[in-house]
Amino acid sequence: MQDNSPERLIRAERVQPTGLVDDLRSAGLEKSQTHFLEAVRMVSGANVLSEATVRLCVTSTLSQCRALMALSQLGFYATATTHPTDAEIASFADHVTVFSVAGIKALCARKKQASPGISVQQSTPQLSEPLPQHS
């Protein structure tokens, strides 16, 4: 019996790298990133938000999605299984969607309400120095 699983390819790449896995990963990530960027632009409207703000929105949404993995590993979900249930995942996905769309719309409203002489380029100020560390 022949092992044609993706794990076999990954094992082979570790032993003798060809760059194929990296290329596949990059292509998949690029397609996903393009999809997310287009979705944020669609929700915000044409050219309402700066490109930097659109990218921040994508980063925020993806971070929320990744949080589910971390929270489940920390036992945040009180279920009989070690992983969130399908219902919990659906509820979380619905929350992230509603929360993210509301946030994008709020950024658009804030930009539209800015006075004509003020340009709202980003949702956060740019700092020339790193933030101080808390002790």
N, C-alpha and C. Protein backbone atom coordinates (compact mmCIF):
# COMPACT_ATOMS: atom_id res chain seq x y z
N MET A 1 0.85 -1.17 0.00
CA MET A 1 0.00 0.00 0.00
C MET A 1 0.90 1.24 0.00
N GLN A 2 0.55 2.19 -0.86
CA GLN A 2 1.36 3.38 -1.01
C GLN A 2 0.79 4.52 -0.16
N ASP A 3 1.68 5.26 0.50
CA ASP A 3 1.28 6.39 1.35
C ASP A 3 1.33 7.66 0.52
N ASN A 4 0.16 8.18 0.08
CA ASN A 4 0.10 9.39 -0.71
C ASN A 4 -0.42 10.58 0.09
N SER A 5 -0.28 10.51 1.38
CA SER A 5 -0.82 11.56 2.24
C SER A 5 0.04 12.83 2.18
N PRO A 6 -0.54 13.97 2.55
CA PRO A 6 0.25 15.21 2.62
C PRO A 6 1.40 15.09 3.61
N GLU A 7 1.21 14.29 4.66
CA GLU A 7 2.27 14.13 5.64
C GLU A 7 3.53 13.53 5.01
N ARG A 8 3.33 12.64 4.05
CA ARG A 8 4.47 12.03 3.36
C ARG A 8 5.27 13.09 2.62
N LEU A 9 4.57 13.99 1.95
CA LEU A 9 5.22 15.08 1.23
C LEU A 9 5.99 15.99 2.20
N ILE A 10 5.36 16.29 3.32
CA ILE A 10 6.01 17.15 4.32
C ILE A 10 7.25 16.47 4.88
N ARG A 11 7.14 15.16 5.15
CA ARG A 11 8.33 14.42 5.65
C ARG A 11 9.45 14.46 4.62
N ALA A 12 9.11 14.25 3.36
CA ALA A 12 10.12 14.28 2.30
C ALA A 12 10.75 15.67 2.18
N GLU A 13 9.94 16.71 2.34
CA GLU A 13 10.45 18.08 2.26
C GLU A 13 11.41 18.38 3.41
N ARG A 14 11.16 17.80 4.56
CA ARG A 14 12.06 18.02 5.71
C ARG A 14 13.42 17.38 5.46
N VAL A 15 13.41 16.23 4.83
CA VAL A 15 14.66 15.51 4.57
C VAL A 15 15.42 16.16 3.42
N GLN A 16 14.71 16.46 2.35
CA GLN A 16 15.35 17.04 1.17
C GLN A 16 14.45 18.16 0.62
N PRO A 17 14.60 19.37 1.15
CA PRO A 17 13.71 20.47 0.77
C PRO A 17 13.79 20.83 -0.71
N THR A 18 12.62 20.98 -1.32
CA THR A 18 12.54 21.42 -2.71
C THR A 18 11.87 22.78 -2.81
N GLY A 19 11.20 23.21 -1.73
CA GLY A 19 10.46 24.47 -1.76
C GLY A 19 9.01 24.31 -2.15
N LEU A 20 8.61 23.09 -2.52
CA LEU A 20 7.25 22.84 -2.98
C LEU A 20 6.22 23.14 -1.89
N VAL A 21 6.46 22.67 -0.68
CA VAL A 21 5.51 22.90 0.41
C VAL A 21 5.41 24.40 0.70
N ASP A 22 6.55 25.08 0.71
CA ASP A 22 6.53 26.53 0.93
C ASP A 22 5.74 27.24 -0.16
N ASP A 23 5.93 26.82 -1.41
CA ASP A 23 5.19 27.42 -2.52
C ASP A 23 3.69 27.17 -2.39
N LEU A 24 3.31 25.95 -2.02
CA LEU A 24 1.88 25.63 -1.84
C LEU A 24 1.28 26.43 -0.69
N ARG A 25 2.03 26.51 0.41
CA ARG A 25 1.56 27.28 1.56
C ARG A 25 1.39 28.75 1.20
N SER A 26 2.38 29.33 0.51
CA SER A 26 2.31 30.73 0.12
C SER A 26 1.13 30.98 -0.81
N ALA A 27 0.93 30.08 -1.77
CA ALA A 27 -0.19 30.24 -2.71
C ALA A 27 -1.52 30.18 -1.97
N GLY A 28 -1.64 29.26 -1.04
CA GLY A 28 -2.89 29.14 -0.27
C GLY A 28 -3.13 30.34 0.61
N LEU A 29 -2.08 30.81 1.27
CA LEU A 29 -2.20 31.98 2.14
C LEU A 29 -2.52 33.23 1.32
N GLU A 30 -1.90 33.36 0.16
CA GLU A 30 -2.14 34.53 -0.68
C GLU A 30 -3.59 34.57 -1.14
N LYS A 31 -4.12 33.43 -1.52
CA LYS A 31 -5.52 33.36 -1.97
C LYS A 31 -6.46 33.73 -0.81
N SER A 32 -6.17 33.20 0.38
CA SER A 32 -6.99 33.50 1.54
C SER A 32 -6.89 34.98 1.92
N GLN A 33 -5.68 35.52 1.89
CA GLN A 33 -5.49 36.93 2.24
C GLN A 33 -6.22 37.82 1.24
N THR A 34 -6.14 37.51 -0.04
CA THR A 34 -6.83 38.29 -1.06
C THR A 34 -8.33 38.25 -0.82
N HIS A 35 -8.85 37.08 -0.48
CA HIS A 35 -10.28 36.94 -0.19
C HIS A 35 -10.68 37.82 0.99
N PHE A 36 -9.91 37.79 2.07
CA PHE A 36 -10.22 38.61 3.24
C PHE A 36 -10.15 40.10 2.93
N LEU A 37 -9.12 40.51 2.20
CA LEU A 37 -8.99 41.92 1.84
C LEU A 37 -10.19 42.38 1.01
N GLU A 38 -10.61 41.57 0.05
CA GLU A 38 -11.76 41.91 -0.79
C GLU A 38 -13.04 41.96 0.04
N ALA A 39 -13.18 41.06 1.01
CA ALA A 39 -14.38 41.05 1.85
C ALA A 39 -14.45 42.33 2.69
N VAL A 40 -13.32 42.75 3.26
CA VAL A 40 -13.31 43.98 4.06
C VAL A 40 -13.61 45.19 3.18
N ARG A 41 -13.03 45.22 1.99
CA ARG A 41 -13.31 46.33 1.07
C ARG A 41 -14.79 46.35 0.68
N MET A 42 -15.38 45.18 0.48
CA MET A 42 -16.79 45.10 0.12
C MET A 42 -17.67 45.63 1.25
N VAL A 43 -17.36 45.25 2.49
CA VAL A 43 -18.14 45.71 3.64
C VAL A 43 -17.97 47.21 3.84
N SER A 44 -16.75 47.72 3.63
CA SER A 44 -16.47 49.13 3.90
C SER A 44 -16.91 50.06 2.78
N GLY A 45 -17.04 49.54 1.59
CA GLY A 45 -17.36 50.39 0.45
C GLY A 45 -16.09 50.79 -0.27
N ALA A 46 -16.27 51.26 -1.49
CA ALA A 46 -15.12 51.57 -2.34
C ALA A 46 -14.29 52.72 -1.77
N ASN A 47 -13.02 52.43 -1.50
CA ASN A 47 -12.02 53.43 -1.11
C ASN A 47 -12.41 54.26 0.12
N VAL A 48 -13.21 53.71 1.01
CA VAL A 48 -13.56 54.45 2.22
C VAL A 48 -12.42 54.37 3.23
N LEU A 49 -11.87 53.18 3.41
CA LEU A 49 -10.79 52.98 4.36
C LEU A 49 -9.46 52.92 3.63
N SER A 50 -8.42 53.38 4.29
CA SER A 50 -7.08 53.29 3.71
C SER A 50 -6.67 51.82 3.63
N GLU A 51 -5.70 51.54 2.80
CA GLU A 51 -5.21 50.16 2.67
C GLU A 51 -4.66 49.66 4.00
N ALA A 52 -3.99 50.55 4.75
CA ALA A 52 -3.45 50.15 6.05
C ALA A 52 -4.57 49.75 7.00
N THR A 53 -5.67 50.48 7.00
CA THR A 53 -6.79 50.16 7.88
C THR A 53 -7.47 48.87 7.44
N VAL A 54 -7.60 48.66 6.15
CA VAL A 54 -8.17 47.41 5.64
C VAL A 54 -7.34 46.23 6.13
N ARG A 55 -6.03 46.35 6.06
CA ARG A 55 -5.14 45.27 6.52
C ARG A 55 -5.25 45.07 8.03
N LEU A 56 -5.42 46.15 8.79
CA LEU A 56 -5.63 46.01 10.23
C LEU A 56 -6.94 45.26 10.52
N CYS A 57 -7.97 45.54 9.73
CA CYS A 57 -9.25 44.84 9.91
C CYS A 57 -9.10 43.34 9.65
N VAL A 58 -8.36 43.01 8.60
CA VAL A 58 -8.11 41.59 8.30
C VAL A 58 -7.33 40.94 9.44
N THR A 59 -6.31 41.62 9.91
CA THR A 59 -5.50 41.09 11.02
C THR A 59 -6.35 40.87 12.26
N SER A 60 -7.21 41.84 12.58
CA SER A 60 -8.07 41.71 13.75
C SER A 60 -9.02 40.53 13.64
N THR A 61 -9.62 40.37 12.48
CA THR A 61 -10.57 39.27 12.27
C THR A 61 -9.86 37.92 12.36
N LEU A 62 -8.71 37.81 11.71
CA LEU A 62 -7.97 36.55 11.78
C LEU A 62 -7.51 36.25 13.20
N SER A 63 -7.13 37.27 13.93
CA SER A 63 -6.70 37.07 15.32
C SER A 63 -7.84 36.55 16.17
N GLN A 64 -9.04 37.04 15.94
CA GLN A 64 -10.19 36.54 16.68
C GLN A 64 -10.42 35.06 16.37
N CYS A 65 -10.26 34.69 15.11
CA CYS A 65 -10.45 33.28 14.72
C CYS A 65 -9.41 32.39 15.38
N ARG A 66 -8.18 32.85 15.41
CA ARG A 66 -7.12 32.07 16.04
C ARG A 66 -7.32 31.96 17.55
N ALA A 67 -8.00 32.92 18.13
CA ALA A 67 -8.24 32.91 19.58
C ALA A 67 -9.05 31.68 19.99
N LEU A 68 -9.93 31.21 19.13
CA LEU A 68 -10.73 30.03 19.46
C LEU A 68 -9.83 28.83 19.74
N MET A 69 -8.78 28.68 18.96
CA MET A 69 -7.86 27.56 19.19
C MET A 69 -7.18 27.69 20.55
N ALA A 70 -6.71 28.90 20.85
CA ALA A 70 -6.01 29.11 22.12
C ALA A 70 -6.97 28.93 23.29
N LEU A 71 -8.17 29.48 23.17
CA LEU A 71 -9.13 29.37 24.27
C LEU A 71 -9.54 27.92 24.51
N SER A 72 -9.69 27.15 23.45
CA SER A 72 -10.08 25.75 23.64
C SER A 72 -8.95 24.96 24.30
N GLN A 73 -7.70 25.30 23.97
CA GLN A 73 -6.57 24.62 24.60
C GLN A 73 -6.45 24.97 26.08
N LEU A 74 -6.94 26.13 26.45
CA LEU A 74 -6.90 26.57 27.85
C LEU A 74 -8.11 26.09 28.64
N GLY A 75 -8.99 25.34 27.99
CA GLY A 75 -10.17 24.83 28.67
C GLY A 75 -11.26 25.87 28.87
N PHE A 76 -11.28 26.89 28.01
CA PHE A 76 -12.26 27.96 28.13
C PHE A 76 -13.68 27.45 27.92
N TYR A 77 -13.84 26.46 27.06
CA TYR A 77 -15.16 25.92 26.78
C TYR A 77 -15.44 24.75 27.71
N ALA A 78 -16.52 24.84 28.43
CA ALA A 78 -16.88 23.82 29.42
C ALA A 78 -17.71 22.72 28.76
N THR A 79 -17.07 21.93 27.95
CA THR A 79 -17.75 20.82 27.29
C THR A 79 -17.09 19.52 27.73
N ALA A 80 -17.74 18.44 27.39
CA ALA A 80 -17.21 17.13 27.77
C ALA A 80 -16.01 16.74 26.91
N THR A 81 -15.83 17.41 25.78
CA THR A 81 -14.71 17.09 24.89
C THR A 81 -13.58 18.08 25.09
N THR A 82 -12.44 17.76 24.53
CA THR A 82 -11.28 18.66 24.64
C THR A 82 -11.33 19.76 23.59
N HIS A 83 -12.24 19.67 22.66
CA HIS A 83 -12.38 20.66 21.59
C HIS A 83 -13.75 21.29 21.65
N PRO A 84 -13.90 22.52 21.15
CA PRO A 84 -15.22 23.14 21.11
C PRO A 84 -16.17 22.29 20.26
N THR A 85 -17.42 22.30 20.63
CA THR A 85 -18.43 21.56 19.86
C THR A 85 -18.73 22.32 18.57
N ASP A 86 -19.42 21.66 17.65
CA ASP A 86 -19.83 22.32 16.41
C ASP A 86 -20.70 23.53 16.71
N ALA A 87 -21.57 23.41 17.70
CA ALA A 87 -22.45 24.53 18.07
C ALA A 87 -21.62 25.70 18.62
N GLU A 88 -20.59 25.41 19.42
CA GLU A 88 -19.75 26.47 19.95
C GLU A 88 -18.96 27.15 18.83
N ILE A 89 -18.48 26.36 17.89
CA ILE A 89 -17.74 26.93 16.75
C ILE A 89 -18.66 27.82 15.92
N ALA A 90 -19.88 27.35 15.67
CA ALA A 90 -20.84 28.14 14.89
C ALA A 90 -21.18 29.44 15.62
N SER A 91 -21.38 29.36 16.92
CA SER A 91 -21.69 30.54 17.72
C SER A 91 -20.52 31.52 17.70
N PHE A 92 -19.30 31.00 17.83
CA PHE A 92 -18.10 31.82 17.80
C PHE A 92 -17.95 32.49 16.44
N ALA A 93 -18.14 31.73 15.36
CA ALA A 93 -18.03 32.28 14.00
C ALA A 93 -19.05 33.38 13.77
N ASP A 94 -20.28 33.17 14.26
CA ASP A 94 -21.31 34.19 14.12
C ASP A 94 -20.91 35.45 14.88
N HIS A 95 -20.41 35.27 16.09
CA HIS A 95 -19.98 36.43 16.89
C HIS A 95 -18.85 37.19 16.20
N VAL A 96 -17.84 36.48 15.73
CA VAL A 96 -16.70 37.14 15.07
C VAL A 96 -17.18 37.90 13.84
N THR A 97 -18.09 37.29 13.08
CA THR A 97 -18.61 37.95 11.88
C THR A 97 -19.34 39.23 12.23
N VAL A 98 -20.29 39.15 13.16
CA VAL A 98 -21.08 40.32 13.55
C VAL A 98 -20.17 41.40 14.15
N PHE A 99 -19.28 41.00 15.04
CA PHE A 99 -18.37 41.92 15.72
C PHE A 99 -17.45 42.61 14.71
N SER A 100 -16.88 41.84 13.79
CA SER A 100 -15.94 42.40 12.82
C SER A 100 -16.64 43.33 11.83
N VAL A 101 -17.79 42.93 11.33
CA VAL A 101 -18.53 43.78 10.39
C VAL A 101 -18.93 45.09 11.08
N ALA A 102 -19.39 45.00 12.33
CA ALA A 102 -19.76 46.21 13.07
C ALA A 102 -18.54 47.12 13.27
N GLY A 103 -17.39 46.52 13.55
CA GLY A 103 -16.17 47.31 13.72
C GLY A 103 -15.76 48.00 12.42
N ILE A 104 -15.84 47.29 11.31
CA ILE A 104 -15.49 47.87 10.01
C ILE A 104 -16.44 49.02 9.69
N LYS A 105 -17.73 48.82 9.93
CA LYS A 105 -18.70 49.88 9.67
C LYS A 105 -18.46 51.08 10.58
N ALA A 106 -18.07 50.84 11.83
CA ALA A 106 -17.77 51.94 12.75
C ALA A 106 -16.56 52.74 12.27
N LEU A 107 -15.55 52.06 11.77
CA LEU A 107 -14.38 52.77 11.22
C LEU A 107 -14.78 53.62 10.02
N CYS A 108 -15.66 53.09 9.18
CA CYS A 108 -16.13 53.84 8.01
C CYS A 108 -16.91 55.07 8.46
N ALA A 109 -17.79 54.90 9.43
CA ALA A 109 -18.59 56.02 9.93
C ALA A 109 -17.68 57.09 10.55
N ARG A 110 -16.68 56.65 11.28
CA ARG A 110 -15.74 57.59 11.90
C ARG A 110 -15.00 58.39 10.83
N LYS A 111 -14.60 57.72 9.78
CA LYS A 111 -13.88 58.42 8.71
C LYS A 111 -14.80 59.40 7.99
N LYS A 112 -16.03 58.99 7.75
CA LYS A 112 -16.99 59.87 7.06
C LYS A 112 -17.35 61.09 7.91
N GLN A 113 -17.32 60.94 9.24
CA GLN A 113 -17.69 62.03 10.14
C GLN A 113 -16.51 62.96 10.45
N ALA A 114 -15.33 62.58 10.03
CA ALA A 114 -14.16 63.42 10.30
C ALA A 114 -14.33 64.75 9.60
N SER A 115 -13.88 65.82 10.25
CA SER A 115 -14.02 67.14 9.63
C SER A 115 -13.19 67.20 8.36
N PRO A 116 -13.59 68.06 7.41
CA PRO A 116 -12.91 68.11 6.11
C PRO A 116 -11.41 68.36 6.19
N GLY A 117 -10.96 69.09 7.20
CA GLY A 117 -9.54 69.40 7.31
C GLY A 117 -8.72 68.31 7.96
N ILE A 118 -9.38 67.26 8.49
CA ILE A 118 -8.67 66.20 9.18
C ILE A 118 -8.78 64.93 8.35
N SER A 119 -7.67 64.29 8.14
CA SER A 119 -7.65 63.03 7.40
C SER A 119 -7.47 61.88 8.37
N VAL A 120 -8.41 60.97 8.39
CA VAL A 120 -8.31 59.79 9.24
C VAL A 120 -7.72 58.68 8.39
N GLN A 121 -6.41 58.49 8.50
CA GLN A 121 -5.73 57.51 7.68
C GLN A 121 -5.74 56.12 8.28
N GLN A 122 -5.64 56.04 9.61
CA GLN A 122 -5.57 54.74 10.25
C GLN A 122 -6.40 54.77 11.51
N SER A 123 -6.73 53.59 11.99
CA SER A 123 -7.54 53.49 13.19
C SER A 123 -6.72 53.65 14.45
N THR A 124 -5.40 53.56 14.34
CA THR A 124 -4.53 53.72 15.50
C THR A 124 -3.42 54.69 15.16
N PRO A 125 -2.94 55.44 16.14
CA PRO A 125 -1.86 56.39 15.87
C PRO A 125 -0.56 55.65 15.57
N GLN A 126 0.26 56.28 14.77
CA GLN A 126 1.58 55.73 14.50
C GLN A 126 2.54 56.27 15.54
N LEU A 127 3.26 55.39 16.18
CA LEU A 127 4.21 55.78 17.22
C LEU A 127 5.61 55.74 16.67
N SER A 128 6.40 56.75 17.02
CA SER A 128 7.78 56.76 16.57
C SER A 128 8.66 55.94 17.51
N GLU A 129 8.16 55.70 18.73
CA GLU A 129 8.91 54.91 19.70
C GLU A 129 8.06 53.74 20.15
N PRO A 130 8.70 52.66 20.56
CA PRO A 130 7.92 51.52 21.05
C PRO A 130 7.19 51.88 22.35
N LEU A 131 6.11 51.19 22.60
CA LEU A 131 5.36 51.40 23.83
C LEU A 131 6.18 50.96 25.02
N PRO A 132 6.07 51.66 26.16
CA PRO A 132 6.83 51.22 27.35
C PRO A 132 6.33 49.88 27.84
N GLN A 133 7.22 49.11 28.41
CA GLN A 133 6.87 47.80 28.96
C GLN A 133 6.27 47.97 30.34
N HIS A 134 5.23 47.19 30.62
CA HIS A 134 4.63 47.22 31.95
C HIS A 134 5.41 46.30 32.86
N SER A 135 5.58 46.71 34.11
CA SER A 135 6.31 45.85 35.04
C SER A 135 5.39 45.29 36.09
